[in-house]
Amino acid sequence: MDRDDEQRLCRRVCGADADAGPRPHRTYAELAGGSLDGLLLDITGWTQDEVDTGVAPAAELGQFGAGGRALYDPRSGDPDRWDWTGGTS
C-alpha cells in the first residue's frame, strides 16, 4: 500500500456516518473543491454513464446554504478525482 492509499483510508465518505471511513473492496472518487472537498464518494457499481454524468450530493454548507447541492464532475485524465463545478439550490 502506498502513501496515497493510506491517506485515502483515513478519509471520510460522503453521505456516511461521521466516523465512517472507506471500506475494503469498494470504489471511491475523491471530491475536490467546494464544500465537500476531500470527502470520498462511493461509486461502487456505477455504470460508466453514471460516472460520466457526475453527481450533485446535498451540501449543508454549500454555495446556496443548507438544502443546496454541490455539483461535481469527473476530472479529465484523473477519474479518481471529481472537481467541484458549482452549486444549486
PDB file of N, CA and C in Angstrom:
ATOM      1  N   MET A   1       0.846  -1.176   0.000  1.00  0.00           N
ATOM      2  CA  MET A   1       0.000   0.000   0.000  1.00  0.00           C
ATOM      3  C   MET A   1       0.890   1.237   0.000  1.00  0.00           C
ATOM      4  N   ASP A   2       0.633   2.164  -0.923  1.00  0.00           N
ATOM      5  CA  ASP A   2       1.460   3.366  -0.970  1.00  0.00           C
ATOM      6  C   ASP A   2       0.824   4.478  -0.123  1.00  0.00           C
ATOM      7  N   ARG A   3       1.502   5.607  -0.043  1.00  0.00           N
ATOM      8  CA  ARG A   3       1.056   6.719   0.815  1.00  0.00           C
ATOM      9  C   ARG A   3      -0.328   7.235   0.421  1.00  0.00           C
ATOM     10  N   ASP A   4      -0.612   7.336  -0.880  1.00  0.00           N
ATOM     11  CA  ASP A   4      -1.933   7.798  -1.321  1.00  0.00           C
ATOM     12  C   ASP A   4      -3.033   6.866  -0.823  1.00  0.00           C
ATOM     13  N   ASP A   5      -2.791   5.562  -0.892  1.00  0.00           N
ATOM     14  CA  ASP A   5      -3.779   4.593  -0.401  1.00  0.00           C
ATOM     15  C   ASP A   5      -3.989   4.755   1.100  1.00  0.00           C
ATOM     16  N   GLU A   6      -2.916   4.962   1.852  1.00  0.00           N
ATOM     17  CA  GLU A   6      -3.016   5.131   3.304  1.00  0.00           C
ATOM     18  C   GLU A   6      -3.811   6.386   3.647  1.00  0.00           C
ATOM     19  N   GLN A   7      -3.553   7.476   2.932  1.00  0.00           N
ATOM     20  CA  GLN A   7      -4.289   8.708   3.188  1.00  0.00           C
ATOM     21  C   GLN A   7      -5.769   8.530   2.869  1.00  0.00           C
ATOM     22  N   ARG A   8      -6.072   7.824   1.812  1.00  0.00           N
ATOM     23  CA  ARG A   8      -7.449   7.594   1.423  1.00  0.00           C
ATOM     24  C   ARG A   8      -8.194   6.792   2.486  1.00  0.00           C
ATOM     25  N   LEU A   9      -7.527   5.831   3.112  1.00  0.00           N
ATOM     26  CA  LEU A   9      -8.158   5.007   4.138  1.00  0.00           C
ATOM     27  C   LEU A   9      -8.509   5.816   5.382  1.00  0.00           C
ATOM     28  N   CYS A  10      -7.885   6.955   5.589  1.00  0.00           N
ATOM     29  CA  CYS A  10      -8.151   7.809   6.746  1.00  0.00           C
ATOM     30  C   CYS A  10      -9.241   8.831   6.453  1.00  0.00           C
ATOM     31  N   ARG A  11      -9.799   8.847   5.276  1.00  0.00           N
ATOM     32  CA  ARG A  11     -10.770   9.847   4.849  1.00  0.00           C
ATOM     33  C   ARG A  11     -12.186   9.473   5.233  1.00  0.00           C
ATOM     34  N   ARG A  12     -13.059  10.449   5.196  1.00  0.00           N
ATOM     35  CA  ARG A  12     -14.483  10.240   5.431  1.00  0.00           C
ATOM     36  C   ARG A  12     -15.198  10.041   4.110  1.00  0.00           C
ATOM     37  N   VAL A  13     -16.286   9.309   4.170  1.00  0.00           N
ATOM     38  CA  VAL A  13     -17.074   9.014   2.981  1.00  0.00           C
ATOM     39  C   VAL A  13     -18.306   9.922   2.959  1.00  0.00           C
ATOM     40  N   CYS A  14     -18.532  10.581   1.855  1.00  0.00           N
ATOM     41  CA  CYS A  14     -19.669  11.488   1.655  1.00  0.00           C
ATOM     42  C   CYS A  14     -20.974  10.744   1.883  1.00  0.00           C
ATOM     43  N   GLY A  15     -21.844  11.302   2.728  1.00  0.00           N
ATOM     44  CA  GLY A  15     -23.152  10.717   2.976  1.00  0.00           C
ATOM     45  C   GLY A  15     -23.166   9.601   3.998  1.00  0.00           C
ATOM     46  N   ALA A  16     -22.014   9.253   4.548  1.00  0.00           N
ATOM     47  CA  ALA A  16     -21.936   8.178   5.540  1.00  0.00           C
ATOM     48  C   ALA A  16     -21.921   8.779   6.947  1.00  0.00           C
ATOM     49  N   ASP A  17     -21.994   7.931   7.958  1.00  0.00           N
ATOM     50  CA  ASP A  17     -21.892   8.392   9.338  1.00  0.00           C
ATOM     51  C   ASP A  17     -20.600   9.167   9.542  1.00  0.00           C
ATOM     52  N   ALA A  18     -20.594  10.056  10.527  1.00  0.00           N
ATOM     53  CA  ALA A  18     -19.450  10.933  10.765  1.00  0.00           C
ATOM     54  C   ALA A  18     -18.134  10.172  10.922  1.00  0.00           C
ATOM     55  N   ASP A  19     -18.162   9.011  11.533  1.00  0.00           N
ATOM     56  CA  ASP A  19     -16.934   8.251  11.760  1.00  0.00           C
ATOM     57  C   ASP A  19     -16.645   7.237  10.659  1.00  0.00           C
ATOM     58  N   ALA A  20     -17.517   7.156   9.670  1.00  0.00           N
ATOM     59  CA  ALA A  20     -17.370   6.128   8.640  1.00  0.00           C
ATOM     60  C   ALA A  20     -16.262   6.477   7.661  1.00  0.00           C
ATOM     61  N   GLY A  21     -15.383   5.543   7.500  1.00  0.00           N
ATOM     62  CA  GLY A  21     -14.322   5.688   6.516  1.00  0.00           C
ATOM     63  C   GLY A  21     -14.563   4.729   5.374  1.00  0.00           C
ATOM     64  N   PRO A  22     -13.658   4.721   4.416  1.00  0.00           N
ATOM     65  CA  PRO A  22     -13.814   3.812   3.280  1.00  0.00           C
ATOM     66  C   PRO A  22     -13.751   2.352   3.712  1.00  0.00           C
ATOM     67  N   ARG A  23     -14.470   1.528   2.989  1.00  0.00           N
ATOM     68  CA  ARG A  23     -14.486   0.091   3.275  1.00  0.00           C
ATOM     69  C   ARG A  23     -13.707  -0.643   2.193  1.00  0.00           C
ATOM     70  N   PRO A  24     -13.127  -1.776   2.557  1.00  0.00           N
ATOM     71  CA  PRO A  24     -12.389  -2.567   1.567  1.00  0.00           C
ATOM     72  C   PRO A  24     -13.301  -3.007   0.419  1.00  0.00           C
ATOM     73  N   HIS A  25     -12.706  -3.185  -0.728  1.00  0.00           N
ATOM     74  CA  HIS A  25     -13.389  -3.713  -1.914  1.00  0.00           C
ATOM     75  C   HIS A  25     -14.490  -2.788  -2.429  1.00  0.00           C
ATOM     76  N   ARG A  26     -14.364  -1.508  -2.159  1.00  0.00           N
ATOM     77  CA  ARG A  26     -15.283  -0.508  -2.677  1.00  0.00           C
ATOM     78  C   ARG A  26     -14.488   0.438  -3.572  1.00  0.00           C
ATOM     79  N   THR A  27     -15.155   1.140  -4.476  1.00  0.00           N
ATOM     80  CA  THR A  27     -14.506   2.095  -5.373  1.00  0.00           C
ATOM     81  C   THR A  27     -14.939   3.501  -4.973  1.00  0.00           C
ATOM     82  N   TYR A  28     -13.953   4.380  -4.780  1.00  0.00           N
ATOM     83  CA  TYR A  28     -14.233   5.743  -4.336  1.00  0.00           C
ATOM     84  C   TYR A  28     -13.606   6.759  -5.277  1.00  0.00           C
ATOM     85  N   ALA A  29     -14.264   7.914  -5.380  1.00  0.00           N
ATOM     86  CA  ALA A  29     -13.708   9.072  -6.072  1.00  0.00           C
ATOM     87  C   ALA A  29     -13.553  10.171  -5.023  1.00  0.00           C
ATOM     88  N   GLU A  30     -12.447  10.899  -5.058  1.00  0.00           N
ATOM     89  CA  GLU A  30     -12.227  11.994  -4.123  1.00  0.00           C
ATOM     90  C   GLU A  30     -12.848  13.271  -4.685  1.00  0.00           C
ATOM     91  N   LEU A  31     -13.648  13.968  -3.866  1.00  0.00           N
ATOM     92  CA  LEU A  31     -14.255  15.223  -4.268  1.00  0.00           C
ATOM     93  C   LEU A  31     -13.262  16.347  -4.019  1.00  0.00           C
ATOM     94  N   ALA A  32     -13.035  17.178  -5.031  1.00  0.00           N
ATOM     95  CA  ALA A  32     -12.030  18.237  -4.945  1.00  0.00           C
ATOM     96  C   ALA A  32     -12.681  19.601  -5.129  1.00  0.00           C
ATOM     97  N   GLY A  33     -12.484  20.483  -4.159  1.00  0.00           N
ATOM     98  CA  GLY A  33     -13.041  21.821  -4.205  1.00  0.00           C
ATOM     99  C   GLY A  33     -14.449  21.858  -3.636  1.00  0.00           C
ATOM    100  N   GLY A  34     -14.990  23.041  -3.495  1.00  0.00           N
ATOM    101  CA  GLY A  34     -16.346  23.186  -2.975  1.00  0.00           C
ATOM    102  C   GLY A  34     -16.470  22.779  -1.527  1.00  0.00           C
ATOM    103  N   SER A  35     -17.692  22.705  -1.056  1.00  0.00           N
ATOM    104  CA  SER A  35     -17.936  22.437   0.363  1.00  0.00           C
ATOM    105  C   SER A  35     -17.679  20.993   0.776  1.00  0.00           C
ATOM    106  N   LEU A  36     -17.576  20.074  -0.167  1.00  0.00           N
ATOM    107  CA  LEU A  36     -17.327  18.665   0.155  1.00  0.00           C
ATOM    108  C   LEU A  36     -15.892  18.252  -0.150  1.00  0.00           C
ATOM    109  N   ASP A  37     -15.021  19.233  -0.291  1.00  0.00           N
ATOM    110  CA  ASP A  37     -13.616  18.995  -0.624  1.00  0.00           C
ATOM    111  C   ASP A  37     -12.990  17.964   0.305  1.00  0.00           C
ATOM    112  N   GLY A  38     -12.358  16.968  -0.286  1.00  0.00           N
ATOM    113  CA  GLY A  38     -11.642  15.955   0.481  1.00  0.00           C
ATOM    114  C   GLY A  38     -12.469  14.737   0.851  1.00  0.00           C
ATOM    115  N   LEU A  39     -13.791  14.814   0.738  1.00  0.00           N
ATOM    116  CA  LEU A  39     -14.616  13.648   1.050  1.00  0.00           C
ATOM    117  C   LEU A  39     -14.516  12.632  -0.081  1.00  0.00           C
ATOM    118  N   LEU A  40     -14.778  11.385   0.248  1.00  0.00           N
ATOM    119  CA  LEU A  40     -14.786  10.321  -0.749  1.00  0.00           C
ATOM    120  C   LEU A  40     -16.221   9.995  -1.123  1.00  0.00           C
ATOM    121  N   LEU A  41     -16.454   9.767  -2.393  1.00  0.00           N
ATOM    122  CA  LEU A  41     -17.762   9.397  -2.908  1.00  0.00           C
ATOM    123  C   LEU A  41     -17.707   7.930  -3.323  1.00  0.00           C
ATOM    124  N   ASP A  42     -18.585   7.117  -2.760  1.00  0.00           N
ATOM    125  CA  ASP A  42     -18.632   5.689  -3.085  1.00  0.00           C
ATOM    126  C   ASP A  42     -19.318   5.517  -4.437  1.00  0.00           C
ATOM    127  N   ILE A  43     -18.553   5.097  -5.427  1.00  0.00           N
ATOM    128  CA  ILE A  43     -19.095   4.896  -6.777  1.00  0.00           C
ATOM    129  C   ILE A  43     -19.086   3.419  -7.162  1.00  0.00           C
ATOM    130  N   THR A  44     -19.038   2.559  -6.175  1.00  0.00           N
ATOM    131  CA  THR A  44     -19.048   1.116  -6.414  1.00  0.00           C
ATOM    132  C   THR A  44     -20.310   0.724  -7.184  1.00  0.00           C
ATOM    133  N   GLY A  45     -20.132   0.012  -8.273  1.00  0.00           N
ATOM    134  CA  GLY A  45     -21.256  -0.482  -9.050  1.00  0.00           C
ATOM    135  C   GLY A  45     -21.861   0.521 -10.017  1.00  0.00           C
ATOM    136  N   TRP A  46     -21.331   1.744 -10.072  1.00  0.00           N
ATOM    137  CA  TRP A  46     -21.853   2.731 -11.008  1.00  0.00           C
ATOM    138  C   TRP A  46     -21.479   2.337 -12.424  1.00  0.00           C
ATOM    139  N   THR A  47     -22.379   2.581 -13.365  1.00  0.00           N
ATOM    140  CA  THR A  47     -22.065   2.363 -14.770  1.00  0.00           C
ATOM    141  C   THR A  47     -21.186   3.512 -15.271  1.00  0.00           C
ATOM    142  N   GLN A  48     -20.555   3.318 -16.414  1.00  0.00           N
ATOM    143  CA  GLN A  48     -19.722   4.386 -16.974  1.00  0.00           C
ATOM    144  C   GLN A  48     -20.562   5.618 -17.278  1.00  0.00           C
ATOM    145  N   ASP A  49     -21.806   5.417 -17.718  1.00  0.00           N
ATOM    146  CA  ASP A  49     -22.695   6.543 -17.998  1.00  0.00           C
ATOM    147  C   ASP A  49     -23.000   7.333 -16.724  1.00  0.00           C
ATOM    148  N   GLU A  50     -23.237   6.633 -15.616  1.00  0.00           N
ATOM    149  CA  GLU A  50     -23.492   7.306 -14.342  1.00  0.00           C
ATOM    150  C   GLU A  50     -22.264   8.093 -13.881  1.00  0.00           C
ATOM    151  N   VAL A  51     -21.087   7.509 -14.057  1.00  0.00           N
ATOM    152  CA  VAL A  51     -19.849   8.202 -13.693  1.00  0.00           C
ATOM    153  C   VAL A  51     -19.671   9.444 -14.558  1.00  0.00           C
ATOM    154  N   ASP A  52     -19.893   9.306 -15.851  1.00  0.00           N
ATOM    155  CA  ASP A  52     -19.706  10.430 -16.773  1.00  0.00           C
ATOM    156  C   ASP A  52     -20.661  11.586 -16.480  1.00  0.00           C
ATOM    157  N   THR A  53     -21.833  11.280 -15.918  1.00  0.00           N
ATOM    158  CA  THR A  53     -22.845  12.289 -15.629  1.00  0.00           C
ATOM    159  C   THR A  53     -22.447  13.181 -14.457  1.00  0.00           C
ATOM    160  N   GLY A  54     -21.649  12.655 -13.529  1.00  0.00           N
ATOM    161  CA  GLY A  54     -21.283  13.425 -12.345  1.00  0.00           C
ATOM    162  C   GLY A  54     -22.311  13.228 -11.247  1.00  0.00           C
ATOM    163  N   VAL A  55     -22.218  14.082 -10.211  1.00  0.00           N
ATOM    164  CA  VAL A  55     -23.063  13.897  -9.043  1.00  0.00           C
ATOM    165  C   VAL A  55     -23.399  15.247  -8.421  1.00  0.00           C
ATOM    166  N   ALA A  56     -24.511  15.289  -7.701  1.00  0.00           N
ATOM    167  CA  ALA A  56     -24.937  16.509  -7.014  1.00  0.00           C
ATOM    168  C   ALA A  56     -25.403  16.164  -5.598  1.00  0.00           C
ATOM    169  N   PRO A  57     -24.468  15.798  -4.709  1.00  0.00           N
ATOM    170  CA  PRO A  57     -24.869  15.448  -3.342  1.00  0.00           C
ATOM    171  C   PRO A  57     -25.299  16.678  -2.545  1.00  0.00           C
ATOM    172  N   ALA A  58     -26.157  16.448  -1.551  1.00  0.00           N
ATOM    173  CA  ALA A  58     -26.584  17.525  -0.660  1.00  0.00           C
ATOM    174  C   ALA A  58     -25.371  18.081   0.072  1.00  0.00           C
ATOM    175  N   ALA A  59     -25.373  19.396   0.272  1.00  0.00           N
ATOM    176  CA  ALA A  59     -24.254  20.064   0.929  1.00  0.00           C
ATOM    177  C   ALA A  59     -24.791  21.103   1.902  1.00  0.00           C
ATOM    178  N   GLU A  60     -24.708  20.825   3.185  1.00  0.00           N
ATOM    179  CA  GLU A  60     -25.225  21.738   4.200  1.00  0.00           C
ATOM    180  C   GLU A  60     -24.541  23.098   4.173  1.00  0.00           C
ATOM    181  N   LEU A  61     -23.286  23.139   3.794  1.00  0.00           N
ATOM    182  CA  LEU A  61     -22.535  24.396   3.765  1.00  0.00           C
ATOM    183  C   LEU A  61     -22.202  24.813   2.345  1.00  0.00           C
ATOM    184  N   GLY A  62     -23.042  24.464   1.406  1.00  0.00           N
ATOM    185  CA  GLY A  62     -22.768  24.737   0.003  1.00  0.00           C
ATOM    186  C   GLY A  62     -22.997  26.185  -0.396  1.00  0.00           C
ATOM    187  N   GLN A  63     -22.856  26.440  -1.654  1.00  0.00           N
ATOM    188  CA  GLN A  63     -22.991  27.759  -2.242  1.00  0.00           C
ATOM    189  C   GLN A  63     -24.348  28.389  -1.918  1.00  0.00           C
ATOM    190  N   PHE A  64     -25.397  27.565  -1.780  1.00  0.00           N
ATOM    191  CA  PHE A  64     -26.734  28.065  -1.523  1.00  0.00           C
ATOM    192  C   PHE A  64     -27.222  27.737  -0.115  1.00  0.00           C
ATOM    193  N   GLY A  65     -26.312  27.395   0.793  1.00  0.00           N
ATOM    194  CA  GLY A  65     -26.670  27.109   2.176  1.00  0.00           C
ATOM    195  C   GLY A  65     -27.294  25.735   2.343  1.00  0.00           C
ATOM    196  N   ALA A  66     -27.874  25.536   3.517  1.00  0.00           N
ATOM    197  CA  ALA A  66     -28.488  24.252   3.849  1.00  0.00           C
ATOM    198  C   ALA A  66     -29.564  23.900   2.820  1.00  0.00           C
ATOM    199  N   GLY A  67     -29.587  22.662   2.404  1.00  0.00           N
ATOM    200  CA  GLY A  67     -30.561  22.200   1.427  1.00  0.00           C
ATOM    201  C   GLY A  67     -30.089  22.317  -0.008  1.00  0.00           C
ATOM    202  N   GLY A  68     -28.949  22.955  -0.216  1.00  0.00           N
ATOM    203  CA  GLY A  68     -28.400  23.058  -1.561  1.00  0.00           C
ATOM    204  C   GLY A  68     -27.632  21.800  -1.940  1.00  0.00           C
ATOM    205  N   ARG A  69     -27.162  21.783  -3.153  1.00  0.00           N
ATOM    206  CA  ARG A  69     -26.371  20.654  -3.642  1.00  0.00           C
ATOM    207  C   ARG A  69     -25.101  21.175  -4.287  1.00  0.00           C
ATOM    208  N   ALA A  70     -24.038  20.422  -4.106  1.00  0.00           N
ATOM    209  CA  ALA A  70     -22.754  20.739  -4.732  1.00  0.00           C
ATOM    210  C   ALA A  70     -22.621  19.872  -5.980  1.00  0.00           C
ATOM    211  N   LEU A  71     -22.187  20.457  -7.073  1.00  0.00           N
ATOM    212  CA  LEU A  71     -22.064  19.729  -8.336  1.00  0.00           C
ATOM    213  C   LEU A  71     -20.612  19.319  -8.563  1.00  0.00           C
ATOM    214  N   TYR A  72     -20.393  18.043  -8.859  1.00  0.00           N
ATOM    215  CA  TYR A  72     -19.053  17.508  -9.103  1.00  0.00           C
ATOM    216  C   TYR A  72     -19.051  16.677 -10.378  1.00  0.00           C
ATOM    217  N   ASP A  73     -18.002  16.837 -11.170  1.00  0.00           N
ATOM    218  CA  ASP A  73     -17.809  16.055 -12.389  1.00  0.00           C
ATOM    219  C   ASP A  73     -16.438  15.400 -12.365  1.00  0.00           C
ATOM    220  N   PRO A  74     -16.310  14.210 -12.973  1.00  0.00           N
ATOM    221  CA  PRO A  74     -15.007  13.537 -13.019  1.00  0.00           C
ATOM    222  C   PRO A  74     -13.960  14.433 -13.682  1.00  0.00           C
ATOM    223  N   ARG A  75     -12.769  14.420 -13.130  1.00  0.00           N
ATOM    224  CA  ARG A  75     -11.659  15.212 -13.678  1.00  0.00           C
ATOM    225  C   ARG A  75     -11.132  14.531 -14.932  1.00  0.00           C
ATOM    226  N   SER A  76     -10.971  15.285 -15.990  1.00  0.00           N
ATOM    227  CA  SER A  76     -10.424  14.756 -17.232  1.00  0.00           C
ATOM    228  C   SER A  76      -9.009  14.241 -16.991  1.00  0.00           C
ATOM    229  N   GLY A  77      -8.765  12.998 -17.349  1.00  0.00           N
ATOM    230  CA  GLY A  77      -7.442  12.404 -17.193  1.00  0.00           C
ATOM    231  C   GLY A  77      -7.170  11.844 -15.814  1.00  0.00           C
ATOM    232  N   ASP A  78      -8.074  12.051 -14.834  1.00  0.00           N
ATOM    233  CA  ASP A  78      -7.891  11.541 -13.471  1.00  0.00           C
ATOM    234  C   ASP A  78      -9.257  11.176 -12.893  1.00  0.00           C
ATOM    235  N   PRO A  79      -9.841  10.058 -13.321  1.00  0.00           N
ATOM    236  CA  PRO A  79     -11.199   9.699 -12.909  1.00  0.00           C
ATOM    237  C   PRO A  79     -11.356   9.405 -11.415  1.00  0.00           C
ATOM    238  N   ASP A  80     -10.253   9.318 -10.674  1.00  0.00           N
ATOM    239  CA  ASP A  80     -10.341   9.102  -9.231  1.00  0.00           C
ATOM    240  C   ASP A  80     -10.625  10.392  -8.478  1.00  0.00           C
ATOM    241  N   ARG A  81     -10.588  11.527  -9.169  1.00  0.00           N
ATOM    242  CA  ARG A  81     -10.851  12.819  -8.543  1.00  0.00           C
ATOM    243  C   ARG A  81     -11.950  13.534  -9.328  1.00  0.00           C
ATOM    244  N   TRP A  82     -12.920  14.049  -8.592  1.00  0.00           N
ATOM    245  CA  TRP A  82     -14.037  14.757  -9.200  1.00  0.00           C
ATOM    246  C   TRP A  82     -13.993  16.200  -8.751  1.00  0.00           C
ATOM    247  N   ASP A  83     -14.081  17.127  -9.684  1.00  0.00           N
ATOM    248  CA  ASP A  83     -13.958  18.549  -9.408  1.00  0.00           C
ATOM    249  C   ASP A  83     -15.308  19.229  -9.199  1.00  0.00           C
ATOM    250  N   TRP A  84     -15.325  20.168  -8.260  1.00  0.00           N
ATOM    251  CA  TRP A  84     -16.496  20.978  -7.985  1.00  0.00           C
ATOM    252  C   TRP A  84     -16.748  21.891  -9.169  1.00  0.00           C
ATOM    253  N   THR A  85     -17.990  21.948  -9.626  1.00  0.00           N
ATOM    254  CA  THR A  85     -18.314  22.809 -10.773  1.00  0.00           C
ATOM    255  C   THR A  85     -19.358  23.863 -10.416  1.00  0.00           C
ATOM    256  N   GLY A  86     -19.790  23.904  -9.159  1.00  0.00           N
ATOM    257  CA  GLY A  86     -20.755  24.895  -8.729  1.00  0.00           C
ATOM    258  C   GLY A  86     -21.769  24.301  -7.776  1.00  0.00           C
ATOM    259  N   GLY A  87     -22.839  25.021  -7.569  1.00  0.00           N
ATOM    260  CA  GLY A  87     -23.871  24.556  -6.653  1.00  0.00           C
ATOM    261  C   GLY A  87     -25.242  24.856  -7.210  1.00  0.00           C
ATOM    262  N   THR A  88     -26.248  24.270  -6.576  1.00  0.00           N
ATOM    263  CA  THR A  88     -27.625  24.507  -6.980  1.00  0.00           C
ATOM    264  C   THR A  88     -28.484  24.489  -5.722  1.00  0.00           C
ATOM    265  N   SER A  89     -29.597  25.154  -5.773  1.00  0.00           N
ATOM    266  CA  SER A  89     -30.486  25.197  -4.620  1.00  0.00           C
ATOM    267  C   SER A  89     -31.547  24.128  -4.707  1.00  0.00           C
TER     268      SER A  89
END
